[in-house]
Amino acid sequence: MPTVYRFDGLRVVIYPNDHRPAHVHVLGQGGEAVFVLNCPDGPPELRELFGFGRAEVARIRATLADALPRICAEWKVIHGPY
């Protein structure tokens, strides 16, 4: 499971055997959130949530939006077209 980005103790992961649409799993601090990226322009949308609070989800979404070009490029390397 390639970690493609890290921030504030969290890992952004893209699983090599995963499915479309382009999405990431954000793991850490006892939680996991799955965001559909809507590559290449975003915005990231929350799909699943376990263990993170509302404020944390908003912060994660904003961070993913800022890093979206890099993260979408990583998806494309691992899976090909979005």
N, C-alpha and C. Protein backbone atom coordinates (compact mmCIF):
# COMPACT_ATOMS: atom_id res chain seq x y z
N MET A 1 0.84 -1.18 0.00
CA MET A 1 0.00 0.00 0.00
C MET A 1 0.88 1.23 0.00
N PRO A 2 1.06 1.84 -1.15
CA PRO A 2 1.92 3.01 -1.25
C PRO A 2 1.34 4.22 -0.52
N THR A 3 2.14 4.77 0.37
CA THR A 3 1.81 6.05 0.98
C THR A 3 2.28 7.12 0.01
N VAL A 4 1.37 7.93 -0.49
CA VAL A 4 1.70 8.91 -1.52
C VAL A 4 1.83 10.31 -0.97
N TYR A 5 1.42 10.51 0.30
CA TYR A 5 1.49 11.84 0.91
C TYR A 5 1.36 11.66 2.41
N ARG A 6 2.01 12.52 3.16
CA ARG A 6 1.91 12.52 4.63
C ARG A 6 1.71 13.95 5.11
N PHE A 7 0.88 14.09 6.15
CA PHE A 7 0.72 15.40 6.79
C PHE A 7 0.13 15.19 8.18
N ASP A 8 0.59 15.97 9.12
CA ASP A 8 0.06 15.98 10.49
C ASP A 8 -0.15 14.59 11.08
N GLY A 9 0.78 13.68 10.87
CA GLY A 9 0.67 12.35 11.41
C GLY A 9 -0.28 11.43 10.66
N LEU A 10 -0.76 11.86 9.52
CA LEU A 10 -1.68 11.05 8.71
C LEU A 10 -0.98 10.59 7.44
N ARG A 11 -1.41 9.44 6.93
CA ARG A 11 -0.88 8.90 5.67
C ARG A 11 -1.99 8.88 4.64
N VAL A 12 -1.66 9.30 3.43
CA VAL A 12 -2.59 9.23 2.31
C VAL A 12 -2.13 8.06 1.45
N VAL A 13 -3.00 7.07 1.30
CA VAL A 13 -2.64 5.79 0.70
C VAL A 13 -3.48 5.53 -0.54
N ILE A 14 -2.83 4.99 -1.57
CA ILE A 14 -3.53 4.48 -2.75
C ILE A 14 -3.18 3.00 -2.85
N TYR A 15 -4.17 2.14 -2.78
CA TYR A 15 -3.94 0.70 -2.87
C TYR A 15 -3.76 0.29 -4.33
N PRO A 16 -2.71 -0.48 -4.64
CA PRO A 16 -2.45 -0.87 -6.03
C PRO A 16 -3.55 -1.72 -6.65
N ASN A 17 -4.25 -2.50 -5.86
CA ASN A 17 -5.29 -3.38 -6.40
C ASN A 17 -6.68 -2.80 -6.22
N ASP A 18 -6.77 -1.49 -6.05
CA ASP A 18 -8.05 -0.84 -5.79
C ASP A 18 -8.76 -0.50 -7.10
N HIS A 19 -9.90 0.09 -7.00
CA HIS A 19 -10.82 0.32 -8.13
C HIS A 19 -10.97 1.80 -8.41
N ARG A 20 -11.56 2.11 -9.54
CA ARG A 20 -11.93 3.48 -9.87
C ARG A 20 -13.27 3.79 -9.23
N PRO A 21 -13.62 5.03 -9.03
CA PRO A 21 -12.93 6.24 -9.43
C PRO A 21 -11.71 6.49 -8.55
N ALA A 22 -10.87 7.42 -9.01
CA ALA A 22 -9.66 7.77 -8.27
C ALA A 22 -10.03 8.21 -6.86
N HIS A 23 -9.42 7.57 -5.88
CA HIS A 23 -9.69 7.88 -4.48
C HIS A 23 -8.49 7.53 -3.62
N VAL A 24 -8.49 8.06 -2.40
CA VAL A 24 -7.43 7.77 -1.45
C VAL A 24 -8.03 7.38 -0.11
N HIS A 25 -7.22 6.67 0.67
CA HIS A 25 -7.54 6.33 2.04
C HIS A 25 -6.61 7.16 2.91
N VAL A 26 -7.18 7.91 3.85
CA VAL A 26 -6.39 8.71 4.77
C VAL A 26 -6.43 7.98 6.11
N LEU A 27 -5.25 7.59 6.60
CA LEU A 27 -5.14 6.72 7.77
C LEU A 27 -4.32 7.39 8.86
N GLY A 28 -4.73 7.17 10.10
CA GLY A 28 -3.93 7.62 11.23
C GLY A 28 -4.80 8.14 12.35
N GLN A 29 -4.18 8.30 13.52
CA GLN A 29 -4.85 8.85 14.70
C GLN A 29 -6.15 8.11 15.01
N GLY A 30 -6.16 6.80 14.76
CA GLY A 30 -7.32 5.99 15.08
C GLY A 30 -8.48 6.11 14.11
N GLY A 31 -8.24 6.71 12.96
CA GLY A 31 -9.33 6.88 12.01
C GLY A 31 -8.93 6.54 10.60
N GLU A 32 -9.93 6.45 9.75
CA GLU A 32 -9.73 6.28 8.32
C GLU A 32 -10.84 7.02 7.60
N ALA A 33 -10.45 7.73 6.56
CA ALA A 33 -11.42 8.41 5.70
C ALA A 33 -11.07 8.09 4.26
N VAL A 34 -12.09 7.89 3.44
CA VAL A 34 -11.88 7.63 2.03
C VAL A 34 -12.47 8.82 1.27
N PHE A 35 -11.63 9.41 0.42
CA PHE A 35 -12.05 10.56 -0.38
C PHE A 35 -11.94 10.23 -1.86
N VAL A 36 -13.02 10.46 -2.60
CA VAL A 36 -12.98 10.43 -4.06
C VAL A 36 -12.30 11.73 -4.48
N LEU A 37 -11.30 11.62 -5.35
CA LEU A 37 -10.48 12.78 -5.69
C LEU A 37 -11.10 13.70 -6.75
N ASN A 38 -11.92 13.16 -7.64
CA ASN A 38 -12.46 13.93 -8.77
C ASN A 38 -11.33 14.56 -9.58
N CYS A 39 -10.33 13.73 -9.89
CA CYS A 39 -9.17 14.18 -10.66
C CYS A 39 -9.61 14.62 -12.05
N PRO A 40 -8.95 15.57 -12.60
CA PRO A 40 -7.78 16.25 -12.08
C PRO A 40 -8.08 17.54 -11.34
N ASP A 41 -9.33 17.99 -11.33
CA ASP A 41 -9.64 19.33 -10.81
C ASP A 41 -10.29 19.37 -9.44
N GLY A 42 -10.72 18.20 -8.92
CA GLY A 42 -11.35 18.18 -7.61
C GLY A 42 -12.77 18.72 -7.67
N PRO A 43 -13.33 19.02 -6.53
CA PRO A 43 -12.74 18.90 -5.20
C PRO A 43 -12.87 17.49 -4.66
N PRO A 44 -12.01 17.13 -3.70
CA PRO A 44 -12.15 15.83 -3.04
C PRO A 44 -13.48 15.74 -2.29
N GLU A 45 -14.12 14.57 -2.38
CA GLU A 45 -15.41 14.35 -1.71
C GLU A 45 -15.30 13.17 -0.76
N LEU A 46 -15.79 13.35 0.45
CA LEU A 46 -15.79 12.28 1.44
C LEU A 46 -16.72 11.16 1.00
N ARG A 47 -16.21 9.92 1.01
CA ARG A 47 -17.03 8.75 0.67
C ARG A 47 -17.30 7.87 1.88
N GLU A 48 -16.28 7.68 2.74
CA GLU A 48 -16.43 6.85 3.92
C GLU A 48 -15.66 7.47 5.07
N LEU A 49 -16.13 7.24 6.30
CA LEU A 49 -15.50 7.85 7.46
C LEU A 49 -15.58 6.92 8.66
N PHE A 50 -14.45 6.76 9.32
CA PHE A 50 -14.38 5.97 10.54
C PHE A 50 -13.44 6.68 11.51
N GLY A 51 -13.97 7.22 12.58
CA GLY A 51 -13.13 7.69 13.68
C GLY A 51 -12.62 9.12 13.64
N PHE A 52 -12.84 9.86 12.59
CA PHE A 52 -12.44 11.27 12.56
C PHE A 52 -13.66 12.14 12.84
N GLY A 53 -13.43 13.27 13.51
CA GLY A 53 -14.50 14.23 13.77
C GLY A 53 -14.70 15.18 12.60
N ARG A 54 -15.74 15.97 12.68
CA ARG A 54 -16.12 16.89 11.62
C ARG A 54 -15.00 17.90 11.29
N ALA A 55 -14.39 18.47 12.31
CA ALA A 55 -13.32 19.45 12.08
C ALA A 55 -12.11 18.79 11.43
N GLU A 56 -11.80 17.58 11.85
CA GLU A 56 -10.67 16.86 11.26
C GLU A 56 -10.94 16.54 9.79
N VAL A 57 -12.16 16.15 9.47
CA VAL A 57 -12.52 15.86 8.08
C VAL A 57 -12.37 17.10 7.21
N ALA A 58 -12.79 18.24 7.72
CA ALA A 58 -12.66 19.49 6.96
C ALA A 58 -11.19 19.82 6.72
N ARG A 59 -10.35 19.61 7.72
CA ARG A 59 -8.92 19.87 7.57
C ARG A 59 -8.29 18.90 6.58
N ILE A 60 -8.67 17.64 6.63
CA ILE A 60 -8.15 16.65 5.69
C ILE A 60 -8.57 17.01 4.27
N ARG A 61 -9.83 17.34 4.08
CA ARG A 61 -10.34 17.69 2.74
C ARG A 61 -9.56 18.89 2.18
N ALA A 62 -9.32 19.91 3.00
CA ALA A 62 -8.59 21.09 2.55
C ALA A 62 -7.15 20.75 2.17
N THR A 63 -6.52 19.89 2.96
CA THR A 63 -5.14 19.48 2.67
C THR A 63 -5.09 18.68 1.37
N LEU A 64 -6.03 17.76 1.19
CA LEU A 64 -6.07 17.00 -0.06
C LEU A 64 -6.30 17.92 -1.26
N ALA A 65 -7.16 18.91 -1.11
CA ALA A 65 -7.42 19.83 -2.22
C ALA A 65 -6.14 20.58 -2.59
N ASP A 66 -5.36 20.99 -1.59
CA ASP A 66 -4.10 21.70 -1.86
C ASP A 66 -3.09 20.80 -2.56
N ALA A 67 -3.10 19.52 -2.24
CA ALA A 67 -2.13 18.57 -2.80
C ALA A 67 -2.69 17.78 -3.99
N LEU A 68 -3.86 18.16 -4.47
CA LEU A 68 -4.56 17.36 -5.48
C LEU A 68 -3.74 17.07 -6.74
N PRO A 69 -3.03 18.03 -7.33
CA PRO A 69 -2.26 17.70 -8.53
C PRO A 69 -1.25 16.58 -8.29
N ARG A 70 -0.57 16.65 -7.17
CA ARG A 70 0.43 15.62 -6.83
C ARG A 70 -0.24 14.27 -6.59
N ILE A 71 -1.33 14.26 -5.85
CA ILE A 71 -2.00 13.00 -5.51
C ILE A 71 -2.64 12.38 -6.76
N CYS A 72 -3.24 13.18 -7.61
CA CYS A 72 -3.82 12.66 -8.85
C CYS A 72 -2.73 12.09 -9.76
N ALA A 73 -1.58 12.72 -9.78
CA ALA A 73 -0.45 12.20 -10.56
C ALA A 73 -0.02 10.84 -10.02
N GLU A 74 -0.02 10.67 -8.71
CA GLU A 74 0.33 9.37 -8.11
C GLU A 74 -0.70 8.31 -8.49
N TRP A 75 -1.99 8.67 -8.47
CA TRP A 75 -3.03 7.72 -8.88
C TRP A 75 -2.76 7.24 -10.32
N LYS A 76 -2.44 8.19 -11.19
CA LYS A 76 -2.21 7.87 -12.59
C LYS A 76 -1.01 6.94 -12.77
N VAL A 77 0.03 7.12 -11.97
CA VAL A 77 1.21 6.24 -12.03
C VAL A 77 0.82 4.82 -11.61
N ILE A 78 0.01 4.71 -10.56
CA ILE A 78 -0.35 3.39 -10.01
C ILE A 78 -1.43 2.71 -10.85
N HIS A 79 -2.45 3.48 -11.30
CA HIS A 79 -3.63 2.88 -11.94
C HIS A 79 -3.86 3.27 -13.39
N GLY A 80 -3.12 4.22 -13.91
CA GLY A 80 -3.41 4.70 -15.25
C GLY A 80 -4.46 5.79 -15.21
N PRO A 81 -5.21 5.98 -16.28
CA PRO A 81 -6.19 7.07 -16.35
C PRO A 81 -7.18 7.03 -15.19
N TYR A 82 -7.69 8.21 -14.87
CA TYR A 82 -8.60 8.34 -13.72
C TYR A 82 -9.87 7.55 -13.98
